[in-house]
Amino acid sequence: MTVTPIYAGILGILFLALSLRVIGRRRTARVGLGDGGDRVLFRVQRAQANFAEYVPLILLLMTVAELQGTGNWALHAIGILLLVGRAVHAVGFGREPEIPGARVAGMAMTFTALGFAALASLLPAAARALGG
């Protein structure tokens, strides 16, 4: 495997940055648990949590696809869509007020990456299972 680990590492750094942003906002708002009614803390928490909800599954699907021989160009396309989508979502949604359109654009890129990664994992396996 040569492509997926690159995106896993970069996305790991992005998750660390999102986590540090939550910690920083917790300190500023003096909130130890929950969001304390702080709208910015709520947003940065949700941006981090949304990242944690989507990225692991897509990386797993990319791994399966890469192990089945999916081309590097397709894996890079999925990885770039995922990385840019998550960054755009985090920057746009994780602010108060949010950047108009950034949340939708980030999710659209993430969903596109998810769909392509799922197909890249499923199609080779289905072809082999059907004897093709």
C-alpha atoms as a PDB file:
ATOM      1  CA  MET A   1       0.000   0.000   0.000  1.00  0.00           C
ATOM      2  CA  THR A   2       1.388   3.337  -1.029  1.00  0.00           C
ATOM      3  CA  VAL A   3      -1.464   5.838  -1.456  1.00  0.00           C
ATOM      4  CA  THR A   4      -3.908   5.404   1.422  1.00  0.00           C
ATOM      5  CA  PRO A   5      -1.246   5.809   4.151  1.00  0.00           C
ATOM      6  CA  ILE A   6      -0.444   9.274   2.782  1.00  0.00           C
ATOM      7  CA  TYR A   7      -4.031  10.429   3.251  1.00  0.00           C
ATOM      8  CA  ALA A   8      -4.361   8.630   6.586  1.00  0.00           C
ATOM      9  CA  GLY A   9      -1.343  10.540   7.884  1.00  0.00           C
ATOM     10  CA  ILE A  10      -2.472  13.937   6.580  1.00  0.00           C
ATOM     11  CA  LEU A  11      -6.003  13.398   7.863  1.00  0.00           C
ATOM     12  CA  GLY A  12      -4.560  12.323  11.220  1.00  0.00           C
ATOM     13  CA  ILE A  13      -2.775  15.676  11.443  1.00  0.00           C
ATOM     14  CA  LEU A  14      -5.997  17.480  10.512  1.00  0.00           C
ATOM     15  CA  PHE A  15      -7.864  15.567  13.244  1.00  0.00           C
ATOM     16  CA  LEU A  16      -5.186  16.578  15.732  1.00  0.00           C
ATOM     17  CA  ALA A  17      -5.644  20.226  14.709  1.00  0.00           C
ATOM     18  CA  LEU A  18      -9.425  19.940  15.113  1.00  0.00           C
ATOM     19  CA  SER A  19      -8.940  18.352  18.540  1.00  0.00           C
ATOM     20  CA  LEU A  20      -6.591  21.117  19.652  1.00  0.00           C
ATOM     21  CA  ARG A  21      -9.133  23.677  18.455  1.00  0.00           C
ATOM     22  CA  VAL A  22     -11.775  22.064  20.692  1.00  0.00           C
ATOM     23  CA  ILE A  23      -9.397  22.109  23.659  1.00  0.00           C
ATOM     24  CA  GLY A  24      -8.503  25.746  23.031  1.00  0.00           C
ATOM     25  CA  ARG A  25     -12.136  26.788  22.843  1.00  0.00           C
ATOM     26  CA  ARG A  26     -12.926  24.811  26.009  1.00  0.00           C
ATOM     27  CA  ARG A  27     -10.241  26.777  27.829  1.00  0.00           C
ATOM     28  CA  THR A  28     -11.465  30.102  26.464  1.00  0.00           C
ATOM     29  CA  ALA A  29     -15.095  29.326  27.334  1.00  0.00           C
ATOM     30  CA  ARG A  30     -14.121  27.643  30.624  1.00  0.00           C
ATOM     31  CA  VAL A  31     -16.245  24.589  29.843  1.00  0.00           C
ATOM     32  CA  GLY A  32     -15.018  21.185  30.986  1.00  0.00           C
ATOM     33  CA  LEU A  33     -17.845  19.017  29.666  1.00  0.00           C
ATOM     34  CA  GLY A  34     -20.444  19.557  26.971  1.00  0.00           C
ATOM     35  CA  ASP A  35     -20.636  22.937  25.295  1.00  0.00           C
ATOM     36  CA  GLY A  36     -21.886  25.081  28.170  1.00  0.00           C
ATOM     37  CA  GLY A  37     -24.185  26.901  25.756  1.00  0.00           C
ATOM     38  CA  ASP A  38     -21.173  28.327  23.904  1.00  0.00           C
ATOM     39  CA  ARG A  39     -22.121  28.325  20.211  1.00  0.00           C
ATOM     40  CA  VAL A  40     -18.520  28.405  18.978  1.00  0.00           C
ATOM     41  CA  LEU A  41     -17.582  25.463  21.212  1.00  0.00           C
ATOM     42  CA  PHE A  42     -20.611  23.570  19.928  1.00  0.00           C
ATOM     43  CA  ARG A  43     -19.529  24.193  16.340  1.00  0.00           C
ATOM     44  CA  VAL A  44     -15.880  23.197  16.806  1.00  0.00           C
ATOM     45  CA  GLN A  45     -16.967  20.072  18.681  1.00  0.00           C
ATOM     46  CA  ARG A  46     -19.361  19.111  15.875  1.00  0.00           C
ATOM     47  CA  ALA A  47     -16.736  19.786  13.207  1.00  0.00           C
ATOM     48  CA  GLN A  48     -14.363  17.425  15.025  1.00  0.00           C
ATOM     49  CA  ALA A  49     -17.062  14.817  15.654  1.00  0.00           C
ATOM     50  CA  ASN A  50     -18.284  14.958  12.058  1.00  0.00           C
ATOM     51  CA  PHE A  51     -14.718  14.332  10.920  1.00  0.00           C
ATOM     52  CA  ALA A  52     -14.496  11.328  13.264  1.00  0.00           C
ATOM     53  CA  GLU A  53     -17.791   9.979  11.925  1.00  0.00           C
ATOM     54  CA  TYR A  54     -16.798   9.906   8.248  1.00  0.00           C
ATOM     55  CA  VAL A  55     -13.030   9.698   7.865  1.00  0.00           C
ATOM     56  CA  PRO A  56     -12.354   6.253   9.424  1.00  0.00           C
ATOM     57  CA  LEU A  57     -14.896   4.483   7.205  1.00  0.00           C
ATOM     58  CA  ILE A  58     -13.647   6.177   4.049  1.00  0.00           C
ATOM     59  CA  LEU A  59     -10.028   5.345   4.897  1.00  0.00           C
ATOM     60  CA  LEU A  60     -11.047   1.733   5.518  1.00  0.00           C
ATOM     61  CA  LEU A  61     -12.785   1.615   2.131  1.00  0.00           C
ATOM     62  CA  MET A  62      -9.721   3.169   0.501  1.00  0.00           C
ATOM     63  CA  THR A  63      -7.557   0.493   2.118  1.00  0.00           C
ATOM     64  CA  VAL A  64      -9.796  -2.289   0.819  1.00  0.00           C
ATOM     65  CA  ALA A  65      -9.826  -0.710  -2.641  1.00  0.00           C
ATOM     66  CA  GLU A  66      -6.048  -0.317  -2.671  1.00  0.00           C
ATOM     67  CA  LEU A  67      -5.512  -3.907  -1.546  1.00  0.00           C
ATOM     68  CA  GLN A  68      -7.730  -5.032  -4.428  1.00  0.00           C
ATOM     69  CA  GLY A  69      -5.615  -3.179  -6.953  1.00  0.00           C
ATOM     70  CA  THR A  70      -7.545   0.044  -7.510  1.00  0.00           C
ATOM     71  CA  GLY A  71      -5.384   2.432  -9.512  1.00  0.00           C
ATOM     72  CA  ASN A  72      -3.365   5.106  -7.776  1.00  0.00           C
ATOM     73  CA  TRP A  73      -5.108   7.873  -9.728  1.00  0.00           C
ATOM     74  CA  ALA A  74      -8.508   6.759  -8.370  1.00  0.00           C
ATOM     75  CA  LEU A  75      -7.185   6.498  -4.822  1.00  0.00           C
ATOM     76  CA  HIS A  76      -5.615   9.958  -5.052  1.00  0.00           C
ATOM     77  CA  ALA A  77      -8.903  11.350  -6.379  1.00  0.00           C
ATOM     78  CA  ILE A  78     -10.784   9.864  -3.417  1.00  0.00           C
ATOM     79  CA  GLY A  79      -8.114  11.005  -0.952  1.00  0.00           C
ATOM     80  CA  ILE A  80      -8.020  14.562  -2.289  1.00  0.00           C
ATOM     81  CA  LEU A  81     -11.819  14.821  -2.266  1.00  0.00           C
ATOM     82  CA  LEU A  82     -11.882  13.571   1.310  1.00  0.00           C
ATOM     83  CA  LEU A  83      -9.069  15.812   2.515  1.00  0.00           C
ATOM     84  CA  VAL A  84     -10.361  18.974   0.860  1.00  0.00           C
ATOM     85  CA  GLY A  85     -13.945  18.185   1.821  1.00  0.00           C
ATOM     86  CA  ARG A  86     -13.078  17.707   5.475  1.00  0.00           C
ATOM     87  CA  ALA A  87     -10.925  20.847   5.565  1.00  0.00           C
ATOM     88  CA  VAL A  88     -13.596  22.983   3.875  1.00  0.00           C
ATOM     89  CA  HIS A  89     -16.269  21.621   6.214  1.00  0.00           C
ATOM     90  CA  ALA A  90     -14.147  22.209   9.323  1.00  0.00           C
ATOM     91  CA  VAL A  91     -13.206  25.758   8.361  1.00  0.00           C
ATOM     92  CA  GLY A  92     -16.675  26.731   7.191  1.00  0.00           C
ATOM     93  CA  PHE A  93     -18.835  25.015   9.784  1.00  0.00           C
ATOM     94  CA  GLY A  94     -16.503  25.350  12.762  1.00  0.00           C
ATOM     95  CA  ARG A  95     -17.035  29.126  12.948  1.00  0.00           C
ATOM     96  CA  GLU A  96     -19.757  31.356  14.281  1.00  0.00           C
ATOM     97  CA  PRO A  97     -21.187  32.514  12.000  1.00  0.00           C
ATOM     98  CA  GLU A  98     -20.378  29.721   9.572  1.00  0.00           C
ATOM     99  CA  ILE A  99     -19.019  30.505   6.124  1.00  0.00           C
ATOM    100  CA  PRO A 100     -22.013  30.275   3.769  1.00  0.00           C
ATOM    101  CA  GLY A 101     -21.849  27.255   1.508  1.00  0.00           C
ATOM    102  CA  ALA A 102     -18.687  25.782   3.028  1.00  0.00           C
ATOM    103  CA  ARG A 103     -20.565  23.220   5.089  1.00  0.00           C
ATOM    104  CA  VAL A 104     -22.550  22.008   2.079  1.00  0.00           C
ATOM    105  CA  ALA A 105     -19.502  21.988  -0.208  1.00  0.00           C
ATOM    106  CA  GLY A 106     -17.432  20.083   2.351  1.00  0.00           C
ATOM    107  CA  MET A 107     -20.123  17.477   2.864  1.00  0.00           C
ATOM    108  CA  ALA A 108     -20.683  17.128  -0.892  1.00  0.00           C
ATOM    109  CA  MET A 109     -16.985  16.367  -1.382  1.00  0.00           C
ATOM    110  CA  THR A 110     -17.011  13.955   1.565  1.00  0.00           C
ATOM    111  CA  PHE A 111     -20.084  12.119   0.263  1.00  0.00           C
ATOM    112  CA  THR A 112     -18.533  11.915  -3.200  1.00  0.00           C
ATOM    113  CA  ALA A 113     -15.361  10.428  -1.697  1.00  0.00           C
ATOM    114  CA  LEU A 114     -17.470   7.986   0.323  1.00  0.00           C
ATOM    115  CA  GLY A 115     -19.418   6.886  -2.737  1.00  0.00           C
ATOM    116  CA  PHE A 116     -16.344   6.422  -4.913  1.00  0.00           C
ATOM    117  CA  ALA A 117     -14.477   4.598  -2.125  1.00  0.00           C
ATOM    118  CA  ALA A 118     -17.437   2.275  -1.604  1.00  0.00           C
ATOM    119  CA  LEU A 119     -17.638   1.493  -5.320  1.00  0.00           C
ATOM    120  CA  ALA A 120     -13.874   1.019  -5.567  1.00  0.00           C
ATOM    121  CA  SER A 121     -14.109  -1.522  -2.743  1.00  0.00           C
ATOM    122  CA  LEU A 122     -17.237  -3.257  -3.936  1.00  0.00           C
ATOM    123  CA  LEU A 123     -16.810  -3.601  -7.699  1.00  0.00           C
ATOM    124  CA  PRO A 124     -13.592  -5.663  -7.788  1.00  0.00           C
ATOM    125  CA  ALA A 125     -14.892  -7.990  -5.076  1.00  0.00           C
ATOM    126  CA  ALA A 126     -18.247  -8.391  -6.792  1.00  0.00           C
ATOM    127  CA  ALA A 127     -16.557  -9.135 -10.115  1.00  0.00           C
ATOM    128  CA  ARG A 128     -14.406 -11.833  -8.508  1.00  0.00           C
ATOM    129  CA  ALA A 129     -17.361 -13.290  -6.632  1.00  0.00           C
ATOM    130  CA  LEU A 130     -19.337 -13.539  -9.856  1.00  0.00           C
ATOM    131  CA  GLY A 131     -16.423 -15.220 -11.591  1.00  0.00           C
ATOM    132  CA  GLY A 132     -15.528 -12.247 -13.790  1.00  0.00           C
END
